[in-house]
Amino acid sequence: MSEVSKLNLWQKMSVIQGENLDIAKDKQAHGYKYATLDKIMEALNPLLFTNKLLVYHETGYDKEEKLSFLKTIVKDIEKPED
């Protein structure tokens, strides 16, 4: 069993967060610079793969609030039921 397999989802996410990635802010709008989701995922994907995590996104619309949203889901591929 690998060291990664011994970690739970939160521990794996903590390992990735500890990498302290420097992601360039490649876009600008409304007076702010920001990193696009594509750039963020490009930087995260190798770490997600190494830690056996899957990230996917769902879009939706809240009728009460009248706004669109993006929901990010993280799954541990070794323990998908968690």
C-alpha atoms as a PDB file:
ATOM      1  CA  MET A   1       0.000   0.000   0.000  1.00  0.00           C
ATOM      2  CA  SER A   2       1.434   3.378  -0.983  1.00  0.00           C
ATOM      3  CA  GLU A   3       1.782   6.278   1.435  1.00  0.00           C
ATOM      4  CA  VAL A   4      -0.932   8.155  -0.481  1.00  0.00           C
ATOM      5  CA  SER A   5      -3.362   5.256   0.027  1.00  0.00           C
ATOM      6  CA  LYS A   6      -3.067   5.643   3.784  1.00  0.00           C
ATOM      7  CA  LEU A   7      -4.355   9.233   3.718  1.00  0.00           C
ATOM      8  CA  ASN A   8      -7.986  10.320   3.806  1.00  0.00           C
ATOM      9  CA  LEU A   9      -9.464  12.958   1.493  1.00  0.00           C
ATOM     10  CA  TRP A  10      -8.759  15.857   3.868  1.00  0.00           C
ATOM     11  CA  GLN A  11      -5.167  14.769   4.430  1.00  0.00           C
ATOM     12  CA  LYS A  12      -4.602  14.496   0.672  1.00  0.00           C
ATOM     13  CA  MET A  13      -6.052  17.972   0.146  1.00  0.00           C
ATOM     14  CA  SER A  14      -3.782  19.291   2.891  1.00  0.00           C
ATOM     15  CA  VAL A  15      -0.745  17.774   1.146  1.00  0.00           C
ATOM     16  CA  ILE A  16      -1.711  19.552  -2.085  1.00  0.00           C
ATOM     17  CA  GLN A  17      -2.365  22.826  -0.279  1.00  0.00           C
ATOM     18  CA  GLY A  18       1.070  22.518   1.330  1.00  0.00           C
ATOM     19  CA  GLU A  19       2.656  22.666  -2.120  1.00  0.00           C
ATOM     20  CA  ASN A  20       1.953  26.415  -2.122  1.00  0.00           C
ATOM     21  CA  LEU A  21       1.598  26.622  -5.898  1.00  0.00           C
ATOM     22  CA  ASP A  22       2.371  29.894  -7.633  1.00  0.00           C
ATOM     23  CA  ILE A  23      -0.339  30.250 -10.251  1.00  0.00           C
ATOM     24  CA  ALA A  24      -0.002  33.262 -12.528  1.00  0.00           C
ATOM     25  CA  LYS A  25      -2.971  35.602 -12.768  1.00  0.00           C
ATOM     26  CA  ASP A  26      -3.425  35.585 -16.519  1.00  0.00           C
ATOM     27  CA  LYS A  27      -6.667  37.549 -16.941  1.00  0.00           C
ATOM     28  CA  GLN A  28      -8.061  40.890 -15.865  1.00  0.00           C
ATOM     29  CA  ALA A  29     -11.629  42.145 -15.442  1.00  0.00           C
ATOM     30  CA  HIS A  30     -13.416  44.775 -13.369  1.00  0.00           C
ATOM     31  CA  GLY A  31     -10.064  46.148 -12.182  1.00  0.00           C
ATOM     32  CA  TYR A  32      -8.819  42.808 -10.822  1.00  0.00           C
ATOM     33  CA  LYS A  33      -6.313  40.270 -12.052  1.00  0.00           C
ATOM     34  CA  TYR A  34      -7.225  36.618 -11.672  1.00  0.00           C
ATOM     35  CA  ALA A  35      -6.131  33.121 -12.607  1.00  0.00           C
ATOM     36  CA  THR A  36      -8.540  31.313 -14.901  1.00  0.00           C
ATOM     37  CA  LEU A  37      -9.970  27.955 -13.917  1.00  0.00           C
ATOM     38  CA  ASP A  38      -7.992  26.417 -16.791  1.00  0.00           C
ATOM     39  CA  LYS A  39      -4.701  27.750 -15.350  1.00  0.00           C
ATOM     40  CA  ILE A  40      -5.601  26.608 -11.848  1.00  0.00           C
ATOM     41  CA  MET A  41      -6.492  23.103 -13.032  1.00  0.00           C
ATOM     42  CA  GLU A  42      -3.361  22.934 -15.199  1.00  0.00           C
ATOM     43  CA  ALA A  43      -1.252  23.519 -12.074  1.00  0.00           C
ATOM     44  CA  LEU A  44      -3.311  21.198  -9.849  1.00  0.00           C
ATOM     45  CA  ASN A  45      -3.787  18.215 -12.174  1.00  0.00           C
ATOM     46  CA  PRO A  46      -0.353  16.587 -11.600  1.00  0.00           C
ATOM     47  CA  LEU A  47      -0.827  16.857  -7.819  1.00  0.00           C
ATOM     48  CA  LEU A  48      -4.385  15.560  -8.012  1.00  0.00           C
ATOM     49  CA  PHE A  49      -3.189  12.577 -10.058  1.00  0.00           C
ATOM     50  CA  THR A  50      -0.344  11.815  -7.631  1.00  0.00           C
ATOM     51  CA  ASN A  51      -2.722  11.993  -4.663  1.00  0.00           C
ATOM     52  CA  LYS A  52      -5.425   9.973  -6.437  1.00  0.00           C
ATOM     53  CA  LEU A  53      -8.027  12.726  -6.324  1.00  0.00           C
ATOM     54  CA  LEU A  54     -10.589  13.617  -8.955  1.00  0.00           C
ATOM     55  CA  VAL A  55     -11.946  17.150  -9.306  1.00  0.00           C
ATOM     56  CA  TYR A  56     -14.896  18.067 -11.461  1.00  0.00           C
ATOM     57  CA  HIS A  57     -17.193  21.045 -11.778  1.00  0.00           C
ATOM     58  CA  GLU A  58     -20.935  21.463 -12.124  1.00  0.00           C
ATOM     59  CA  THR A  59     -22.753  24.621 -13.079  1.00  0.00           C
ATOM     60  CA  GLY A  60     -26.156  25.604 -11.878  1.00  0.00           C
ATOM     61  CA  TYR A  61     -28.613  28.431 -11.471  1.00  0.00           C
ATOM     62  CA  ASP A  62     -30.224  29.555  -8.208  1.00  0.00           C
ATOM     63  CA  LYS A  63     -33.730  30.777  -9.107  1.00  0.00           C
ATOM     64  CA  GLU A  64     -34.278  32.494  -5.744  1.00  0.00           C
ATOM     65  CA  GLU A  65     -30.990  34.395  -5.822  1.00  0.00           C
ATOM     66  CA  LYS A  66     -31.120  34.761  -9.616  1.00  0.00           C
ATOM     67  CA  LEU A  67     -27.499  33.853 -10.083  1.00  0.00           C
ATOM     68  CA  SER A  68     -25.368  31.244 -11.781  1.00  0.00           C
ATOM     69  CA  PHE A  69     -22.818  29.261  -9.802  1.00  0.00           C
ATOM     70  CA  LEU A  70     -19.969  26.839 -10.245  1.00  0.00           C
ATOM     71  CA  LYS A  71     -19.748  23.934  -7.813  1.00  0.00           C
ATOM     72  CA  THR A  72     -16.413  22.132  -7.452  1.00  0.00           C
ATOM     73  CA  ILE A  73     -16.482  18.505  -6.277  1.00  0.00           C
ATOM     74  CA  VAL A  74     -13.440  16.591  -5.025  1.00  0.00           C
ATOM     75  CA  LYS A  75     -13.498  12.783  -4.861  1.00  0.00           C
ATOM     76  CA  ASP A  76     -10.916  10.364  -3.529  1.00  0.00           C
ATOM     77  CA  ILE A  77     -10.741   7.715  -6.259  1.00  0.00           C
ATOM     78  CA  GLU A  78      -9.548   5.143  -3.728  1.00  0.00           C
ATOM     79  CA  LYS A  79     -12.585   5.788  -1.483  1.00  0.00           C
ATOM     80  CA  PRO A  80     -15.290   7.276  -3.737  1.00  0.00           C
ATOM     81  CA  GLU A  81     -17.994   6.696  -1.121  1.00  0.00           C
ATOM     82  CA  ASP A  82     -16.384   9.281   1.214  1.00  0.00           C
END
